[in-house]
Amino acid sequence: MKLRVAVQMDPIESIDIAGDSTFAIMLEAQARGHDLFYYQPKALALKGRTLNASGHPIKLRDEKGSHFTLGGPERVDLGTFDVVHMRQDPPFDMNYITITHMLEHIHPKTLVVNDPKEVRNAPEKLYVMEFADLMPPTLVTRDPRELLEFRKEHGEIILKPLYGNGGAGVFRLAGEDQNFGSLVELFTQSFREPFMAQRYQPEVRKGDKRIILVDGEFAGAINRVPALNEHRSNMHVGGRPEPTVLTRREEEICERLGPDLEKRGLIFVGIDVIGDYLTEINVTSPTGIRQVKKFGGADIASLIWDAIERKRS
């Protein structure tokens, strides 16, 4: 089966291929003989019901500093493609939401991964609240009084933007931290949306586990250990990846989430678990698949393409 595949992503020249999941997915597509077309979200154009994109055919190499070659510029009708991967990073803002609406014009005749409607309806820090019994105590609000009561109840908390990514703007506040009022004021001035507070989980010192599910099934996991003077475990802020296996509790979390992910058409999802608690469900542009393979786990890019090809057959 040879597919025409378009990949909507951030500038390819700026990615770190050693850890980039989009690059791994594209490499696997190329290895299977699929034709690849690359474009950036800003190149989309919806004219009537036709969704066009300006970009380039692309060939990839797993060579740092020389990882791609572009063909000549082309303007294509995305509705003529078999698959489109929506892989640009958040923030999950009105631009991101608008792009999901545009991509809905071609899905499901053209399979968009992940389903754009469900990506729009499942922002990572709100969708996870549907499984509140699996989470640490969590509050979504912009009301300073609610936040103050939450901190009084739980002591040390994490405060983070609702639509950020990569650990940006995530703060740890001790129960008596006198910066609390100033930080809430800063968040209120900086964001029009509510923000999220969670009880701090000290188990994060042992790692924040990224678990990847493909079409609702467990596919692999890595543990991300924060740097010595850092509460965030994201790898681009110094988190150290290490191999891991699932606990029984983590298996139960996957079993709870799996059917809903599959029903929603969320083929590639990364969930975050600290200790016994689910903290986020990442559906926009999950990462971690190259690290899983590096530590001897499954080739998740291959599993993703197996799932896509089943749906296209």
Protein backbone atom coordinates (compact mmCIF):
# COMPACT_ATOMS: atom_id res chain seq x y z
CA MET A 1 0.00 0.00 0.00
CA LYS A 2 1.48 3.31 -1.11
CA LEU A 3 -0.06 6.40 0.48
CA ARG A 4 0.15 10.12 -0.22
CA VAL A 5 1.04 11.65 3.14
CA ALA A 6 1.14 15.33 4.10
CA VAL A 7 2.74 16.46 7.35
CA GLN A 8 1.72 19.75 8.95
CA MET A 9 4.46 20.74 11.36
CA ASP A 10 6.76 23.44 12.69
CA PRO A 11 9.82 24.38 10.56
CA ILE A 12 11.68 21.17 9.86
CA GLU A 13 15.07 22.87 9.87
CA SER A 14 14.67 23.68 13.58
CA ILE A 15 13.80 20.25 14.95
CA ASP A 16 16.14 18.07 17.03
CA ILE A 17 15.98 14.81 15.12
CA ALA A 18 17.42 12.80 18.02
CA GLY A 19 14.19 13.19 19.95
CA ASP A 20 11.59 14.42 17.48
CA SER A 21 8.55 12.15 17.18
CA THR A 22 7.31 13.77 13.96
CA PHE A 23 10.64 13.02 12.31
CA ALA A 24 10.40 9.38 13.42
CA ILE A 25 6.89 9.09 11.98
CA MET A 26 8.05 10.60 8.69
CA LEU A 27 11.09 8.30 8.51
CA GLU A 28 8.85 5.27 8.95
CA ALA A 29 6.46 6.51 6.25
CA GLN A 30 9.38 6.95 3.87
CA ALA A 31 10.71 3.46 4.70
CA ARG A 32 7.31 2.02 3.80
CA GLY A 33 7.38 3.72 0.40
CA HIS A 34 4.79 6.42 1.12
CA ASP A 35 5.12 9.79 -0.63
CA LEU A 36 5.76 12.65 1.80
CA PHE A 37 4.72 16.29 1.49
CA TYR A 38 5.74 18.87 4.12
CA TYR A 39 4.08 22.20 4.92
CA GLN A 40 3.67 24.61 7.81
CA PRO A 41 0.27 25.57 9.29
CA LYS A 42 0.53 29.13 8.00
CA ALA A 43 0.50 27.72 4.43
CA LEU A 44 -3.09 26.45 4.67
CA ALA A 45 -5.77 28.10 2.51
CA LEU A 46 -9.48 27.18 2.59
CA LYS A 47 -11.27 28.25 -0.60
CA GLY A 48 -14.90 27.21 -0.53
CA ARG A 49 -14.69 23.57 0.58
CA THR A 50 -11.22 22.99 -0.90
CA LEU A 51 -8.30 23.00 1.51
CA ASN A 52 -4.98 23.82 -0.13
CA ALA A 53 -1.48 23.95 1.29
CA SER A 54 1.76 25.32 -0.11
CA GLY A 55 4.83 23.26 0.70
CA HIS A 56 7.34 20.79 -0.66
CA PRO A 57 7.81 17.11 -1.37
CA ILE A 58 10.48 15.97 1.08
CA LYS A 59 13.11 13.27 1.52
CA LEU A 60 14.60 12.52 4.93
CA ARG A 61 17.89 11.22 6.30
CA ASP A 62 18.63 10.29 9.88
CA GLU A 63 21.74 12.49 9.83
CA LYS A 64 22.12 15.38 12.24
CA GLY A 65 22.74 18.61 10.34
CA SER A 66 21.65 17.10 7.02
CA HIS A 67 18.30 15.52 7.74
CA PHE A 68 16.10 16.62 4.84
CA THR A 69 15.98 17.62 1.18
CA LEU A 70 13.06 19.61 -0.17
CA GLY A 71 11.62 19.27 -3.64
CA GLY A 72 10.33 22.25 -5.55
CA PRO A 73 7.49 24.33 -4.09
CA GLU A 74 3.98 23.06 -4.80
CA ARG A 75 0.43 24.10 -3.98
CA VAL A 76 -1.64 20.99 -3.33
CA ASP A 77 -5.26 20.07 -2.57
CA LEU A 78 -5.03 18.22 0.77
CA GLY A 79 -8.30 16.50 -0.02
CA THR A 80 -6.45 14.41 -2.61
CA PHE A 81 -4.09 12.97 0.03
CA ASP A 82 -4.63 9.73 1.93
CA VAL A 83 -3.26 10.96 5.27
CA VAL A 84 -2.49 14.30 6.90
CA HIS A 85 -0.53 14.43 10.17
CA MET A 86 -1.32 17.48 12.30
CA ARG A 87 1.93 17.77 14.25
CA GLN A 88 2.57 21.44 15.03
CA ASP A 89 3.29 22.20 18.68
CA PRO A 90 0.88 24.19 20.85
CA PRO A 91 0.06 26.76 22.26
CA PHE A 92 -3.50 25.58 21.86
CA ASP A 93 -4.84 29.02 20.94
CA MET A 94 -7.43 30.35 18.48
CA ASN A 95 -5.00 29.77 15.61
CA TYR A 96 -4.71 26.10 16.58
CA ILE A 97 -8.49 25.80 16.96
CA THR A 98 -9.10 27.48 13.59
CA ILE A 99 -6.75 25.03 11.90
CA THR A 100 -8.72 22.08 13.32
CA HIS A 101 -11.86 23.56 11.74
CA MET A 102 -10.07 23.89 8.40
CA LEU A 103 -8.83 20.30 8.50
CA GLU A 104 -12.33 19.04 9.27
CA HIS A 105 -13.22 19.87 5.66
CA ILE A 106 -11.09 16.94 4.45
CA HIS A 107 -11.50 14.43 7.30
CA PRO A 108 -12.32 11.52 7.28
CA LYS A 109 -12.06 11.08 3.49
CA THR A 110 -8.48 12.16 4.07
CA LEU A 111 -7.48 10.64 7.40
CA VAL A 112 -6.24 13.42 9.69
CA VAL A 113 -4.13 12.15 12.60
CA ASN A 114 -5.32 12.93 15.19
CA ASP A 115 -8.98 13.60 14.32
CA PRO A 116 -9.12 17.43 14.25
CA LYS A 117 -12.56 17.67 15.84
CA GLU A 118 -11.49 15.49 18.74
CA VAL A 119 -8.19 17.36 19.16
CA ARG A 120 -10.23 20.54 19.45
CA ASN A 121 -12.59 18.93 21.95
CA ALA A 122 -9.83 17.32 24.04
CA PRO A 123 -7.35 20.01 25.15
CA GLU A 124 -4.84 18.17 27.30
CA LYS A 125 -5.52 19.86 30.63
CA LEU A 126 -9.32 19.82 30.25
CA TYR A 127 -9.95 16.44 28.62
CA VAL A 128 -8.06 14.80 31.48
CA MET A 129 -10.68 16.17 33.92
CA GLU A 130 -13.11 13.58 32.53
CA PHE A 131 -11.01 11.08 34.48
CA ALA A 132 -10.82 13.13 37.68
CA ASP A 133 -10.85 10.03 39.89
CA LEU A 134 -7.46 9.05 38.37
CA MET A 135 -5.91 12.48 39.02
CA PRO A 136 -4.42 14.29 42.00
CA PRO A 137 -6.69 17.03 43.42
CA THR A 138 -7.00 19.57 40.59
CA LEU A 139 -8.66 22.95 40.14
CA VAL A 140 -9.34 24.88 36.93
CA THR A 141 -10.19 28.53 37.59
CA ARG A 142 -9.00 32.12 37.41
CA ASP A 143 -10.70 33.08 40.68
CA PRO A 144 -8.00 34.08 43.23
CA ARG A 145 -10.26 33.11 46.15
CA GLU A 146 -10.73 29.60 44.80
CA LEU A 147 -6.98 29.26 44.28
CA LEU A 148 -6.26 30.48 47.80
CA GLU A 149 -8.70 27.98 49.30
CA PHE A 150 -7.17 25.21 47.18
CA ARG A 151 -3.68 26.06 48.44
CA LYS A 152 -4.93 26.16 52.04
CA GLU A 153 -6.42 22.71 51.59
CA HIS A 154 -3.49 21.05 49.83
CA GLY A 155 -0.40 23.05 50.86
CA GLU A 156 2.25 22.74 48.17
CA ILE A 157 0.74 23.11 44.69
CA ILE A 158 1.64 23.37 41.01
CA LEU A 159 0.23 26.30 39.02
CA LYS A 160 0.32 26.18 35.22
CA PRO A 161 -1.29 27.74 32.13
CA LEU A 162 -4.20 25.77 30.73
CA TYR A 163 -3.03 25.86 27.12
CA GLY A 164 0.76 25.86 27.37
CA ASN A 165 3.15 23.04 26.54
CA GLY A 166 6.61 21.71 27.26
CA GLY A 167 6.56 22.78 30.90
CA ALA A 168 6.51 26.50 30.04
CA GLY A 169 5.09 28.64 32.83
CA VAL A 170 4.76 25.78 35.33
CA PHE A 171 5.38 26.93 38.91
CA ARG A 172 5.75 25.02 42.17
CA LEU A 173 4.44 26.94 45.18
CA ALA A 174 5.04 25.90 48.77
CA GLY A 175 2.16 26.30 51.21
CA GLU A 176 3.50 29.56 52.65
CA ASP A 177 5.16 30.93 49.51
CA GLN A 178 4.71 34.69 49.64
CA ASN A 179 4.93 34.90 45.84
CA PHE A 180 1.52 33.25 45.57
CA GLY A 181 -0.48 36.48 45.26
CA SER A 182 1.93 38.05 42.79
CA LEU A 183 2.00 34.91 40.65
CA VAL A 184 -1.80 34.64 40.55
CA GLU A 185 -1.92 38.32 39.59
CA LEU A 186 0.63 37.71 36.82
CA PHE A 187 -1.33 34.73 35.48
CA THR A 188 -4.57 36.74 35.58
CA GLN A 189 -2.97 39.55 33.57
CA SER A 190 -1.17 37.22 31.14
CA PHE A 191 -3.95 34.75 30.28
CA ARG A 192 -7.58 35.33 29.37
CA GLU A 193 -8.38 31.69 30.12
CA PRO A 194 -8.61 29.94 33.47
CA PHE A 195 -5.46 28.18 34.66
CA MET A 196 -4.80 24.90 36.44
CA ALA A 197 -3.69 24.19 39.99
CA GLN A 198 -2.77 20.70 41.13
CA ARG A 199 -1.59 19.29 44.43
CA TYR A 200 2.18 18.87 44.20
CA GLN A 201 3.20 15.23 43.94
CA PRO A 202 6.63 14.70 45.59
CA GLU A 203 6.92 11.42 43.68
CA VAL A 204 7.90 13.55 40.67
CA ARG A 205 11.47 13.48 42.04
CA LYS A 206 11.49 9.81 40.98
CA GLY A 207 10.13 10.75 37.56
CA ASP A 208 7.16 11.81 35.47
CA LYS A 209 6.26 8.86 33.28
CA ARG A 210 5.28 9.45 29.64
CA ILE A 211 3.10 6.55 28.49
CA ILE A 212 2.21 6.30 24.80
CA LEU A 213 -0.98 4.74 23.50
CA VAL A 214 -1.62 3.93 19.83
CA ASP A 215 -5.26 3.57 18.82
CA GLY A 216 -6.15 3.13 22.49
CA GLU A 217 -3.56 0.43 23.23
CA PHE A 218 -0.41 0.73 25.33
CA ALA A 219 2.64 1.05 23.06
CA GLY A 220 5.57 2.13 25.24
CA ALA A 221 6.78 4.33 28.07
CA ILE A 222 9.76 6.27 29.36
CA ASN A 223 10.42 7.84 32.73
CA ARG A 224 11.54 11.48 32.76
CA VAL A 225 13.51 12.46 35.85
CA PRO A 226 13.80 16.18 36.69
CA ALA A 227 17.23 17.81 36.95
CA LEU A 228 18.53 18.42 40.48
CA ASN A 229 17.32 22.01 40.81
CA GLU A 230 14.22 21.71 38.63
CA HIS A 231 10.64 20.57 39.40
CA ARG A 232 9.78 20.06 35.72
CA SER A 233 10.68 16.80 34.03
CA ASN A 234 10.35 17.90 30.39
CA MET A 235 13.46 16.84 28.50
CA HIS A 236 14.09 20.22 26.88
CA VAL A 237 14.48 21.73 30.37
CA GLY A 238 16.95 19.09 31.50
CA GLY A 239 14.78 16.09 32.31
CA ARG A 240 16.64 12.80 31.99
CA PRO A 241 14.89 9.96 30.12
CA GLU A 242 15.31 6.45 31.47
CA PRO A 243 13.76 3.06 30.68
CA THR A 244 10.74 1.94 32.66
CA VAL A 245 7.95 -0.60 32.91
CA LEU A 246 4.31 -0.06 33.83
CA THR A 247 2.99 -0.60 37.32
CA ARG A 248 -0.38 -2.29 37.78
CA ARG A 249 -1.90 1.13 38.54
CA GLU A 250 -0.55 2.53 35.27
CA GLU A 251 -1.97 -0.46 33.40
CA GLU A 252 -5.35 0.31 34.96
CA ILE A 253 -5.10 3.94 33.83
CA CYS A 254 -4.37 2.83 30.25
CA GLU A 255 -7.28 0.39 30.37
CA ARG A 256 -9.63 3.17 31.48
CA LEU A 257 -8.51 5.64 28.82
CA GLY A 258 -8.03 3.29 25.89
CA PRO A 259 -11.64 2.79 24.73
CA ASP A 260 -12.39 6.53 24.79
CA LEU A 261 -9.20 7.38 22.86
CA GLU A 262 -10.05 4.82 20.19
CA LYS A 263 -13.67 6.03 19.95
CA ARG A 264 -12.49 9.62 19.46
CA GLY A 265 -10.03 8.74 16.68
CA LEU A 266 -7.04 9.80 18.78
CA ILE A 267 -4.49 7.43 17.24
CA PHE A 268 -1.32 8.82 18.85
CA VAL A 269 -1.62 9.95 22.47
CA GLY A 270 0.89 10.52 25.27
CA ILE A 271 -0.30 10.51 28.87
CA ASP A 272 1.68 11.73 31.88
CA VAL A 273 1.63 9.87 35.19
CA ILE A 274 3.31 10.90 38.45
CA GLY A 275 3.25 8.26 41.18
CA ASP A 276 -0.24 6.79 41.01
CA TYR A 277 -1.84 9.81 39.37
CA LEU A 278 -2.73 10.80 35.80
CA THR A 279 -1.83 14.46 35.25
CA GLU A 280 -2.26 15.15 31.49
CA ILE A 281 -3.52 13.56 28.27
CA ASN A 282 -1.49 14.92 25.33
CA VAL A 283 -3.27 14.73 21.96
CA THR A 284 -1.87 17.67 19.95
CA SER A 285 1.74 16.67 19.21
CA PRO A 286 2.83 13.95 21.66
CA THR A 287 6.53 13.15 21.96
CA GLY A 288 8.72 10.37 23.30
CA ILE A 289 8.69 7.66 20.65
CA ARG A 290 12.38 7.91 19.72
CA GLN A 291 13.35 7.70 23.40
CA VAL A 292 11.21 4.58 23.89
CA LYS A 293 12.92 2.86 20.97
CA LYS A 294 16.37 4.02 22.14
CA PHE A 295 15.85 2.18 25.43
CA GLY A 296 14.81 -1.05 23.75
CA GLY A 297 11.05 -0.51 23.67
CA ALA A 298 8.67 -0.85 20.77
CA ASP A 299 9.11 0.94 17.45
CA ILE A 300 6.08 3.16 18.04
CA ALA A 301 6.37 4.92 14.68
CA SER A 302 5.83 1.52 13.08
CA LEU A 303 2.82 0.83 15.33
CA ILE A 304 1.32 4.20 14.36
CA TRP A 305 1.66 3.38 10.68
CA ASP A 306 0.22 -0.10 11.21
CA ALA A 307 -2.86 1.56 12.72
CA ILE A 308 -3.11 4.14 9.92
CA GLU A 309 -2.74 1.55 7.18
CA ARG A 310 -5.48 -0.57 8.77
CA LYS A 311 -7.80 2.41 8.61
CA ARG A 312 -6.83 3.18 4.99
CA SER A 313 -7.15 -0.38 3.72
